[in-house]
């Protein structure tokens, strides 16, 4: 029975990762964050390969999937179509993600940032996230009472803060983090400098991408029982920033050289970590 449960869990994780790739593609294309290409899901996939620990952390896969659902609603808020529904949905998905990884709650900051950007004048919009919290709490308490009273303990045991970064099992995990950090700094810095050159109607969306990356880093820094899989929350915003970086390279050979280098390095470090 345990064997079948493990198989179902792995299949579920695989389907969620496929769903995450679809969401990454959908969000970037639908909101005009990148040109019509597949660089964003491609980079997202490379980051997954760079950190194989993500592939075995089911809770992170689930939490990140719900965060992507939330970002889908928050980024589309710029259209000002049904803003209250989008704020509620985004808040709801964040609180659901929090049940699987507590520090996902940091993304609630992005909800209020989005309200400031678009719909701050209506006081009711500031109340909606708390309504979403109340909704999730009711469902969670019901689940605790009916199914498993240990659910609350499972959530709260992840609410601790730890700044212990000495978790590496081998040198290649350390190399993977160092490489990822270097790429992240490059992509973030170039996109931050390019922000003022973006169309005015798109600047708020790119600011949300930058904010979401910083919040993803915050989750990694604060999380206890730390490992590289917690960086998954930075993958989407970094993939968008990386796509914009690559799209701005005029020379075709240079652009392809950057992509091939990222692929080669990612696969080399992947196999070095798992073998």
C-alpha atoms as a PDB file:
ATOM      1  CA  UNK A   1       0.000   0.000   0.000  1.00  0.00           C
ATOM      2  CA  UNK A   2       2.855   2.370   0.868  1.00  0.00           C
ATOM      3  CA  UNK A   3       4.432   1.658  -2.512  1.00  0.00           C
ATOM      4  CA  UNK A   4       1.262   2.680  -4.364  1.00  0.00           C
ATOM      5  CA  UNK A   5       0.989   5.840  -2.250  1.00  0.00           C
ATOM      6  CA  UNK A   6       4.532   6.805  -3.220  1.00  0.00           C
ATOM      7  CA  UNK A   7       3.801   6.182  -6.906  1.00  0.00           C
ATOM      8  CA  UNK A   8       0.637   8.305  -6.760  1.00  0.00           C
ATOM      9  CA  UNK A   9       2.568  11.054  -4.969  1.00  0.00           C
ATOM     10  CA  UNK A  10       5.297  11.081  -7.625  1.00  0.00           C
ATOM     11  CA  UNK A  11       2.757  11.138 -10.449  1.00  0.00           C
ATOM     12  CA  UNK A  12       0.935  13.990  -8.726  1.00  0.00           C
ATOM     13  CA  UNK A  13       4.190  15.942  -8.314  1.00  0.00           C
ATOM     14  CA  UNK A  14       5.031  15.391 -11.974  1.00  0.00           C
ATOM     15  CA  UNK A  15       1.619  16.654 -13.076  1.00  0.00           C
ATOM     16  CA  UNK A  16       1.969  19.713 -10.852  1.00  0.00           C
ATOM     17  CA  UNK A  17       5.371  20.473 -12.372  1.00  0.00           C
ATOM     18  CA  UNK A  18       3.844  20.216 -15.845  1.00  0.00           C
ATOM     19  CA  UNK A  19       1.043  22.482 -14.687  1.00  0.00           C
ATOM     20  CA  UNK A  20       3.626  24.917 -13.319  1.00  0.00           C
ATOM     21  CA  UNK A  21       5.394  25.037 -16.693  1.00  0.00           C
ATOM     22  CA  UNK A  22       2.058  25.733 -18.383  1.00  0.00           C
ATOM     23  CA  UNK A  23       1.307  28.531 -15.902  1.00  0.00           C
ATOM     24  CA  UNK A  24       4.752  30.052 -16.404  1.00  0.00           C
ATOM     25  CA  UNK A  25       4.184  30.153 -20.150  1.00  0.00           C
ATOM     26  CA  UNK A  26       0.612  31.430 -19.776  1.00  0.00           C
ATOM     27  CA  UNK A  27       1.417  34.229 -17.305  1.00  0.00           C
ATOM     28  CA  UNK A  28       4.394  35.575 -19.241  1.00  0.00           C
ATOM     29  CA  UNK A  29       2.623  35.479 -22.617  1.00  0.00           C
ATOM     30  CA  UNK A  30      -0.856  36.611 -21.525  1.00  0.00           C
ATOM     31  CA  UNK A  31       0.455  39.641 -19.642  1.00  0.00           C
ATOM     32  CA  UNK A  32       3.034  40.672 -22.236  1.00  0.00           C
ATOM     33  CA  UNK A  33       5.967  40.179 -19.872  1.00  0.00           C
ATOM     34  CA  UNK A  34       8.022  38.603 -22.649  1.00  0.00           C
ATOM     35  CA  UNK A  35       7.867  38.211 -26.403  1.00  0.00           C
ATOM     36  CA  UNK A  36       6.074  35.267 -27.986  1.00  0.00           C
ATOM     37  CA  UNK A  37       8.699  32.583 -27.351  1.00  0.00           C
ATOM     38  CA  UNK A  38       9.344  29.660 -25.012  1.00  0.00           C
ATOM     39  CA  UNK A  39      12.375  31.037 -23.196  1.00  0.00           C
ATOM     40  CA  UNK A  40      10.520  31.542 -19.895  1.00  0.00           C
ATOM     41  CA  UNK A  41       9.315  27.934 -19.366  1.00  0.00           C
ATOM     42  CA  UNK A  42      12.661  26.754 -20.752  1.00  0.00           C
ATOM     43  CA  UNK A  43      14.616  28.719 -18.127  1.00  0.00           C
ATOM     44  CA  UNK A  44      12.158  27.598 -15.437  1.00  0.00           C
ATOM     45  CA  UNK A  45      12.888  23.999 -16.439  1.00  0.00           C
ATOM     46  CA  UNK A  46      16.651  24.611 -16.359  1.00  0.00           C
ATOM     47  CA  UNK A  47      16.382  25.948 -12.810  1.00  0.00           C
ATOM     48  CA  UNK A  48      14.517  22.773 -11.829  1.00  0.00           C
ATOM     49  CA  UNK A  49      17.312  20.705 -13.346  1.00  0.00           C
ATOM     50  CA  UNK A  50      19.939  22.792 -11.547  1.00  0.00           C
ATOM     51  CA  UNK A  51      18.296  21.951  -8.200  1.00  0.00           C
ATOM     52  CA  UNK A  52      17.108  18.305  -8.277  1.00  0.00           C
ATOM     53  CA  UNK A  53      16.125  18.605  -4.585  1.00  0.00           C
ATOM     54  CA  UNK A  54      13.021  20.468  -5.778  1.00  0.00           C
ATOM     55  CA  UNK A  55      11.864  17.376  -7.653  1.00  0.00           C
ATOM     56  CA  UNK A  56      11.605  15.338  -4.443  1.00  0.00           C
ATOM     57  CA  UNK A  57      10.101  18.032  -2.221  1.00  0.00           C
ATOM     58  CA  UNK A  58       6.380  17.566  -2.763  1.00  0.00           C
ATOM     59  CA  UNK A  59       5.340  20.340  -0.386  1.00  0.00           C
ATOM     60  CA  UNK A  60       7.472  22.900  -2.228  1.00  0.00           C
ATOM     61  CA  UNK A  61       6.106  21.779  -5.605  1.00  0.00           C
ATOM     62  CA  UNK A  62       2.532  22.180  -4.334  1.00  0.00           C
ATOM     63  CA  UNK A  63       3.170  25.499  -2.574  1.00  0.00           C
ATOM     64  CA  UNK A  64       4.958  26.950  -5.613  1.00  0.00           C
ATOM     65  CA  UNK A  65       2.096  25.863  -7.876  1.00  0.00           C
ATOM     66  CA  UNK A  66      -0.390  27.791  -5.744  1.00  0.00           C
ATOM     67  CA  UNK A  67       1.935  30.808  -5.665  1.00  0.00           C
ATOM     68  CA  UNK A  68       1.985  30.742  -9.473  1.00  0.00           C
ATOM     69  CA  UNK A  69      -1.819  30.732  -9.466  1.00  0.00           C
ATOM     70  CA  UNK A  70      -1.681  33.744  -7.173  1.00  0.00           C
ATOM     71  CA  UNK A  71       0.828  35.592  -9.369  1.00  0.00           C
ATOM     72  CA  UNK A  72      -1.369  34.942 -12.386  1.00  0.00           C
ATOM     73  CA  UNK A  73      -4.158  36.919 -10.726  1.00  0.00           C
ATOM     74  CA  UNK A  74      -1.956  39.665  -9.277  1.00  0.00           C
ATOM     75  CA  UNK A  75      -0.133  40.452 -12.515  1.00  0.00           C
ATOM     76  CA  UNK A  76      -3.396  40.565 -14.473  1.00  0.00           C
ATOM     77  CA  UNK A  77      -4.741  43.077 -11.937  1.00  0.00           C
ATOM     78  CA  UNK A  78      -3.347  45.866 -14.107  1.00  0.00           C
ATOM     79  CA  UNK A  79      -6.299  45.418 -16.474  1.00  0.00           C
ATOM     80  CA  UNK A  80      -8.587  46.598 -13.629  1.00  0.00           C
ATOM     81  CA  UNK A  81     -11.162  44.007 -14.714  1.00  0.00           C
ATOM     82  CA  UNK A  82     -12.868  42.399 -11.663  1.00  0.00           C
ATOM     83  CA  UNK A  83     -10.107  43.557  -9.280  1.00  0.00           C
ATOM     84  CA  UNK A  84     -11.885  42.345  -6.125  1.00  0.00           C
ATOM     85  CA  UNK A  85     -12.180  38.799  -7.455  1.00  0.00           C
ATOM     86  CA  UNK A  86      -8.514  38.802  -8.435  1.00  0.00           C
ATOM     87  CA  UNK A  87      -7.404  40.081  -5.024  1.00  0.00           C
ATOM     88  CA  UNK A  88      -9.505  37.427  -3.290  1.00  0.00           C
ATOM     89  CA  UNK A  89      -8.249  34.612  -5.534  1.00  0.00           C
ATOM     90  CA  UNK A  90      -4.610  35.675  -5.172  1.00  0.00           C
ATOM     91  CA  UNK A  91      -4.903  35.908  -1.379  1.00  0.00           C
ATOM     92  CA  UNK A  92      -6.707  32.571  -1.196  1.00  0.00           C
ATOM     93  CA  UNK A  93      -4.014  30.757  -3.178  1.00  0.00           C
ATOM     94  CA  UNK A  94      -1.278  32.282  -1.019  1.00  0.00           C
ATOM     95  CA  UNK A  95      -2.940  31.102   2.193  1.00  0.00           C
ATOM     96  CA  UNK A  96      -3.413  27.634   0.692  1.00  0.00           C
ATOM     97  CA  UNK A  97       0.297  27.589  -0.273  1.00  0.00           C
ATOM     98  CA  UNK A  98       1.095  28.548   3.329  1.00  0.00           C
ATOM     99  CA  UNK A  99      -0.411  25.254   4.495  1.00  0.00           C
ATOM    100  CA  UNK A 100       2.308  23.418   2.550  1.00  0.00           C
ATOM    101  CA  UNK A 101       5.190  25.803   3.236  1.00  0.00           C
ATOM    102  CA  UNK A 102       4.539  28.380   5.930  1.00  0.00           C
ATOM    103  CA  UNK A 103       6.801  31.150   4.652  1.00  0.00           C
ATOM    104  CA  UNK A 104       4.829  31.320   1.415  1.00  0.00           C
ATOM    105  CA  UNK A 105       2.795  33.807   3.425  1.00  0.00           C
ATOM    106  CA  UNK A 106       5.424  36.431   2.527  1.00  0.00           C
ATOM    107  CA  UNK A 107       3.750  36.708  -0.871  1.00  0.00           C
ATOM    108  CA  UNK A 108       0.829  38.371   0.882  1.00  0.00           C
ATOM    109  CA  UNK A 109       3.043  41.468   0.806  1.00  0.00           C
ATOM    110  CA  UNK A 110       2.735  41.405  -2.985  1.00  0.00           C
ATOM    111  CA  UNK A 111      -1.062  41.443  -2.675  1.00  0.00           C
ATOM    112  CA  UNK A 112      -0.944  44.726  -0.765  1.00  0.00           C
ATOM    113  CA  UNK A 113       1.720  46.111  -3.118  1.00  0.00           C
ATOM    114  CA  UNK A 114      -0.606  45.314  -6.041  1.00  0.00           C
ATOM    115  CA  UNK A 115      -3.493  47.049  -4.272  1.00  0.00           C
ATOM    116  CA  UNK A 116      -1.302  50.140  -3.835  1.00  0.00           C
ATOM    117  CA  UNK A 117      -0.375  50.062  -7.521  1.00  0.00           C
ATOM    118  CA  UNK A 118      -3.915  49.737  -8.883  1.00  0.00           C
ATOM    119  CA  UNK A 119      -6.929  49.970  -6.545  1.00  0.00           C
ATOM    120  CA  UNK A 120      -5.859  51.577  -3.285  1.00  0.00           C
ATOM    121  CA  UNK A 121      -8.655  54.154  -3.223  1.00  0.00           C
ATOM    122  CA  UNK A 122     -11.383  51.591  -2.539  1.00  0.00           C
ATOM    123  CA  UNK A 123     -11.041  50.651   1.148  1.00  0.00           C
ATOM    124  CA  UNK A 124     -12.882  47.372   0.550  1.00  0.00           C
ATOM    125  CA  UNK A 125      -9.926  46.037  -1.433  1.00  0.00           C
ATOM    126  CA  UNK A 126      -7.771  46.203   1.710  1.00  0.00           C
ATOM    127  CA  UNK A 127     -10.247  43.962   3.576  1.00  0.00           C
ATOM    128  CA  UNK A 128     -10.488  41.235   0.933  1.00  0.00           C
ATOM    129  CA  UNK A 129      -7.218  39.412   1.874  1.00  0.00           C
ATOM    130  CA  UNK A 130      -8.524  38.990   5.428  1.00  0.00           C
ATOM    131  CA  UNK A 131     -11.751  37.505   4.065  1.00  0.00           C
ATOM    132  CA  UNK A 132      -9.618  35.015   2.114  1.00  0.00           C
ATOM    133  CA  UNK A 133      -7.689  34.220   5.307  1.00  0.00           C
ATOM    134  CA  UNK A 134     -10.936  33.585   7.179  1.00  0.00           C
ATOM    135  CA  UNK A 135     -12.128  31.307   4.361  1.00  0.00           C
ATOM    136  CA  UNK A 136      -8.978  29.172   4.412  1.00  0.00           C
ATOM    137  CA  UNK A 137      -8.993  29.033   8.222  1.00  0.00           C
ATOM    138  CA  UNK A 138     -12.544  27.682   8.271  1.00  0.00           C
ATOM    139  CA  UNK A 139     -11.695  24.973   5.745  1.00  0.00           C
ATOM    140  CA  UNK A 140      -8.453  24.121   7.551  1.00  0.00           C
ATOM    141  CA  UNK A 141     -10.101  23.864  10.979  1.00  0.00           C
ATOM    142  CA  UNK A 142     -12.774  21.617   9.481  1.00  0.00           C
ATOM    143  CA  UNK A 143     -10.037  19.392   7.981  1.00  0.00           C
ATOM    144  CA  UNK A 144      -8.229  19.231  11.348  1.00  0.00           C
ATOM    145  CA  UNK A 145     -11.426  18.210  13.163  1.00  0.00           C
ATOM    146  CA  UNK A 146     -12.607  15.664  10.606  1.00  0.00           C
ATOM    147  CA  UNK A 147      -9.423  14.101   9.250  1.00  0.00           C
ATOM    148  CA  UNK A 148      -6.215  14.657  11.181  1.00  0.00           C
ATOM    149  CA  UNK A 149      -5.627  16.677  14.347  1.00  0.00           C
ATOM    150  CA  UNK A 150      -1.884  16.659  13.614  1.00  0.00           C
ATOM    151  CA  UNK A 151      -2.328  18.891  10.553  1.00  0.00           C
ATOM    152  CA  UNK A 152      -1.931  22.032  12.648  1.00  0.00           C
ATOM    153  CA  UNK A 153       1.352  20.747  14.083  1.00  0.00           C
ATOM    154  CA  UNK A 154       2.620  19.898  10.598  1.00  0.00           C
ATOM    155  CA  UNK A 155       1.993  23.480   9.482  1.00  0.00           C
ATOM    156  CA  UNK A 156       3.329  25.204  12.586  1.00  0.00           C
ATOM    157  CA  UNK A 157       6.546  23.180  12.765  1.00  0.00           C
ATOM    158  CA  UNK A 158       7.584  24.913   9.526  1.00  0.00           C
ATOM    159  CA  UNK A 159       6.927  28.387  10.933  1.00  0.00           C
ATOM    160  CA  UNK A 160      10.336  28.622  12.567  1.00  0.00           C
ATOM    161  CA  UNK A 161      13.082  30.901  11.294  1.00  0.00           C
ATOM    162  CA  UNK A 162      16.580  29.612  10.620  1.00  0.00           C
ATOM    163  CA  UNK A 163      19.655  31.327   9.215  1.00  0.00           C
ATOM    164  CA  UNK A 164      21.686  28.129   9.084  1.00  0.00           C
ATOM    165  CA  UNK A 165      23.134  27.806   5.572  1.00  0.00           C
ATOM    166  CA  UNK A 166      25.419  24.842   6.316  1.00  0.00           C
ATOM    167  CA  UNK A 167      23.077  22.258   4.845  1.00  0.00           C
ATOM    168  CA  UNK A 168      25.031  21.207   1.753  1.00  0.00           C
ATOM    169  CA  UNK A 169      25.396  17.447   1.320  1.00  0.00           C
ATOM    170  CA  UNK A 170      28.098  17.743  -1.349  1.00  0.00           C
ATOM    171  CA  UNK A 171      30.224  20.420  -2.991  1.00  0.00           C
ATOM    172  CA  UNK A 172      28.091  20.416  -6.153  1.00  0.00           C
ATOM    173  CA  UNK A 173      25.044  21.673  -4.233  1.00  0.00           C
ATOM    174  CA  UNK A 174      27.207  24.565  -3.110  1.00  0.00           C
ATOM    175  CA  UNK A 175      28.375  25.175  -6.678  1.00  0.00           C
ATOM    176  CA  UNK A 176      24.776  25.064  -7.920  1.00  0.00           C
ATOM    177  CA  UNK A 177      23.771  27.720  -5.392  1.00  0.00           C
ATOM    178  CA  UNK A 178      26.773  29.916  -6.243  1.00  0.00           C
ATOM    179  CA  UNK A 179      26.049  29.672  -9.969  1.00  0.00           C
ATOM    180  CA  UNK A 180      22.342  30.342  -9.476  1.00  0.00           C
ATOM    181  CA  UNK A 181      23.108  33.336  -7.258  1.00  0.00           C
ATOM    182  CA  UNK A 182      25.431  34.810  -9.882  1.00  0.00           C
ATOM    183  CA  UNK A 183      22.833  34.380 -12.629  1.00  0.00           C
ATOM    184  CA  UNK A 184      20.133  35.832 -10.361  1.00  0.00           C
ATOM    185  CA  UNK A 185      22.193  38.940  -9.564  1.00  0.00           C
ATOM    186  CA  UNK A 186      22.922  39.476 -13.286  1.00  0.00           C
ATOM    187  CA  UNK A 187      19.286  39.095 -14.373  1.00  0.00           C
ATOM    188  CA  UNK A 188      17.886  41.123 -11.469  1.00  0.00           C
ATOM    189  CA  UNK A 189      20.363  43.994 -11.839  1.00  0.00           C
ATOM    190  CA  UNK A 190      19.894  44.330 -15.609  1.00  0.00           C
ATOM    191  CA  UNK A 191      16.094  44.281 -15.337  1.00  0.00           C
ATOM    192  CA  UNK A 192      16.099  46.753 -12.465  1.00  0.00           C
ATOM    193  CA  UNK A 193      18.190  49.162 -14.546  1.00  0.00           C
ATOM    194  CA  UNK A 194      15.928  48.632 -17.567  1.00  0.00           C
ATOM    195  CA  UNK A 195      12.718  49.272 -15.591  1.00  0.00           C
ATOM    196  CA  UNK A 196      12.544  52.974 -16.432  1.00  0.00           C
ATOM    197  CA  UNK A 197      12.667  52.111 -20.157  1.00  0.00           C
ATOM    198  CA  UNK A 198       9.565  49.934 -19.975  1.00  0.00           C
ATOM    199  CA  UNK A 199       6.222  51.286 -21.243  1.00  0.00           C
ATOM    200  CA  UNK A 200       4.423  53.119 -18.432  1.00  0.00           C
ATOM    201  CA  UNK A 201       1.446  50.752 -18.551  1.00  0.00           C
ATOM    202  CA  UNK A 202       3.782  47.766 -18.031  1.00  0.00           C
ATOM    203  CA  UNK A 203       6.054  49.104 -15.306  1.00  0.00           C
ATOM    204  CA  UNK A 204       3.810  47.935 -12.452  1.00  0.00           C
ATOM    205  CA  UNK A 205       3.862  44.360 -13.841  1.00  0.00           C
ATOM    206  CA  UNK A 206       7.654  44.315 -14.021  1.00  0.00           C
ATOM    207  CA  UNK A 207       7.852  45.787 -10.518  1.00  0.00           C
ATOM    208  CA  UNK A 208       5.717  42.865  -9.304  1.00  0.00           C
ATOM    209  CA  UNK A 209       8.152  40.455 -10.953  1.00  0.00           C
ATOM    210  CA  UNK A 210      11.060  42.113  -9.145  1.00  0.00           C
ATOM    211  CA  UNK A 211       9.122  42.098  -5.862  1.00  0.00           C
ATOM    212  CA  UNK A 212       8.162  38.435  -6.247  1.00  0.00           C
ATOM    213  CA  UNK A 213      11.807  37.490  -6.796  1.00  0.00           C
ATOM    214  CA  UNK A 214      12.828  39.285  -3.592  1.00  0.00           C
ATOM    215  CA  UNK A 215       9.998  37.593  -1.694  1.00  0.00           C
ATOM    216  CA  UNK A 216      11.158  34.219  -3.036  1.00  0.00           C
ATOM    217  CA  UNK A 217      14.644  34.967  -1.743  1.00  0.00           C
ATOM    218  CA  UNK A 218      13.079  35.941   1.588  1.00  0.00           C
ATOM    219  CA  UNK A 219      11.349  32.559   1.831  1.00  0.00           C
ATOM    220  CA  UNK A 220      14.670  30.794   1.240  1.00  0.00           C
ATOM    221  CA  UNK A 221      16.483  32.911   3.830  1.00  0.00           C
ATOM    222  CA  UNK A 222      13.850  32.546   6.568  1.00  0.00           C
ATOM    223  CA  UNK A 223      12.896  28.877   6.141  1.00  0.00           C
ATOM    224  CA  UNK A 224      14.044  26.346   8.699  1.00  0.00           C
ATOM    225  CA  UNK A 225      15.466  22.931   7.695  1.00  0.00           C
ATOM    226  CA  UNK A 226      16.914  24.840   4.777  1.00  0.00           C
ATOM    227  CA  UNK A 227      17.816  23.294   1.433  1.00  0.00           C
ATOM    228  CA  UNK A 228      18.122  24.418  -2.177  1.00  0.00           C
ATOM    229  CA  UNK A 229      14.552  23.366  -3.019  1.00  0.00           C
ATOM    230  CA  UNK A 230      13.241  26.474  -1.235  1.00  0.00           C
ATOM    231  CA  UNK A 231      14.679  28.554  -4.077  1.00  0.00           C
ATOM    232  CA  UNK A 232      11.814  27.279  -6.272  1.00  0.00           C
ATOM    233  CA  UNK A 233       9.786  30.367  -5.366  1.00  0.00           C
ATOM    234  CA  UNK A 234      12.303  32.508  -7.263  1.00  0.00           C
ATOM    235  CA  UNK A 235      12.243  30.419 -10.445  1.00  0.00           C
ATOM    236  CA  UNK A 236       9.311  32.093 -12.220  1.00  0.00           C
ATOM    237  CA  UNK A 237      10.290  35.737 -11.711  1.00  0.00           C
ATOM    238  CA  UNK A 238      13.913  34.915 -12.496  1.00  0.00           C
ATOM    239  CA  UNK A 239      12.849  33.068 -15.666  1.00  0.00           C
ATOM    240  CA  UNK A 240      10.910  36.160 -16.790  1.00  0.00           C
ATOM    241  CA  UNK A 241      13.879  38.426 -16.049  1.00  0.00           C
ATOM    242  CA  UNK A 242      16.216  35.985 -17.791  1.00  0.00           C
ATOM    243  CA  UNK A 243      13.975  35.908 -20.857  1.00  0.00           C
ATOM    244  CA  UNK A 244      14.026  39.685 -21.088  1.00  0.00           C
ATOM    245  CA  UNK A 245      17.809  39.633 -20.702  1.00  0.00           C
ATOM    246  CA  UNK A 246      18.217  37.093 -23.509  1.00  0.00           C
ATOM    247  CA  UNK A 247      15.706  38.870 -25.767  1.00  0.00           C
ATOM    248  CA  UNK A 248      17.772  42.059 -25.508  1.00  0.00           C
ATOM    249  CA  UNK A 249      20.876  40.323 -26.893  1.00  0.00           C
ATOM    250  CA  UNK A 250      20.941  41.436 -30.531  1.00  0.00           C
ATOM    251  CA  UNK A 251      23.539  39.001 -31.812  1.00  0.00           C
ATOM    252  CA  UNK A 252      21.922  35.641 -32.602  1.00  0.00           C
ATOM    253  CA  UNK A 253      25.105  33.638 -31.963  1.00  0.00           C
ATOM    254  CA  UNK A 254      25.685  35.295 -28.603  1.00  0.00           C
ATOM    255  CA  UNK A 255      22.070  34.645 -27.614  1.00  0.00           C
ATOM    256  CA  UNK A 256      22.284  30.977 -28.556  1.00  0.00           C
ATOM    257  CA  UNK A 257      25.679  30.707 -26.869  1.00  0.00           C
ATOM    258  CA  UNK A 258      24.184  31.931 -23.594  1.00  0.00           C
ATOM    259  CA  UNK A 259      21.338  29.418 -23.840  1.00  0.00           C
ATOM    260  CA  UNK A 260      23.590  26.467 -24.714  1.00  0.00           C
ATOM    261  CA  UNK A 261      25.969  27.375 -21.898  1.00  0.00           C
ATOM    262  CA  UNK A 262      23.107  27.427 -19.390  1.00  0.00           C
ATOM    263  CA  UNK A 263      21.887  24.046 -20.628  1.00  0.00           C
ATOM    264  CA  UNK A 264      25.338  22.443 -20.451  1.00  0.00           C
ATOM    265  CA  UNK A 265      26.097  23.812 -16.990  1.00  0.00           C
ATOM    266  CA  UNK A 266      22.659  22.873 -15.612  1.00  0.00           C
ATOM    267  CA  UNK A 267      22.873  19.269 -16.802  1.00  0.00           C
ATOM    268  CA  UNK A 268      26.480  18.865 -15.646  1.00  0.00           C
ATOM    269  CA  UNK A 269      25.653  20.070 -12.125  1.00  0.00           C
ATOM    270  CA  UNK A 270      22.435  18.027 -12.089  1.00  0.00           C
ATOM    271  CA  UNK A 271      24.245  14.750 -12.778  1.00  0.00           C
ATOM    272  CA  UNK A 272      27.074  15.715 -10.416  1.00  0.00           C
ATOM    273  CA  UNK A 273      24.549  16.103  -7.589  1.00  0.00           C
ATOM    274  CA  UNK A 274      22.562  12.931  -8.188  1.00  0.00           C
ATOM    275  CA  UNK A 275      25.394  10.507  -9.024  1.00  0.00           C
END
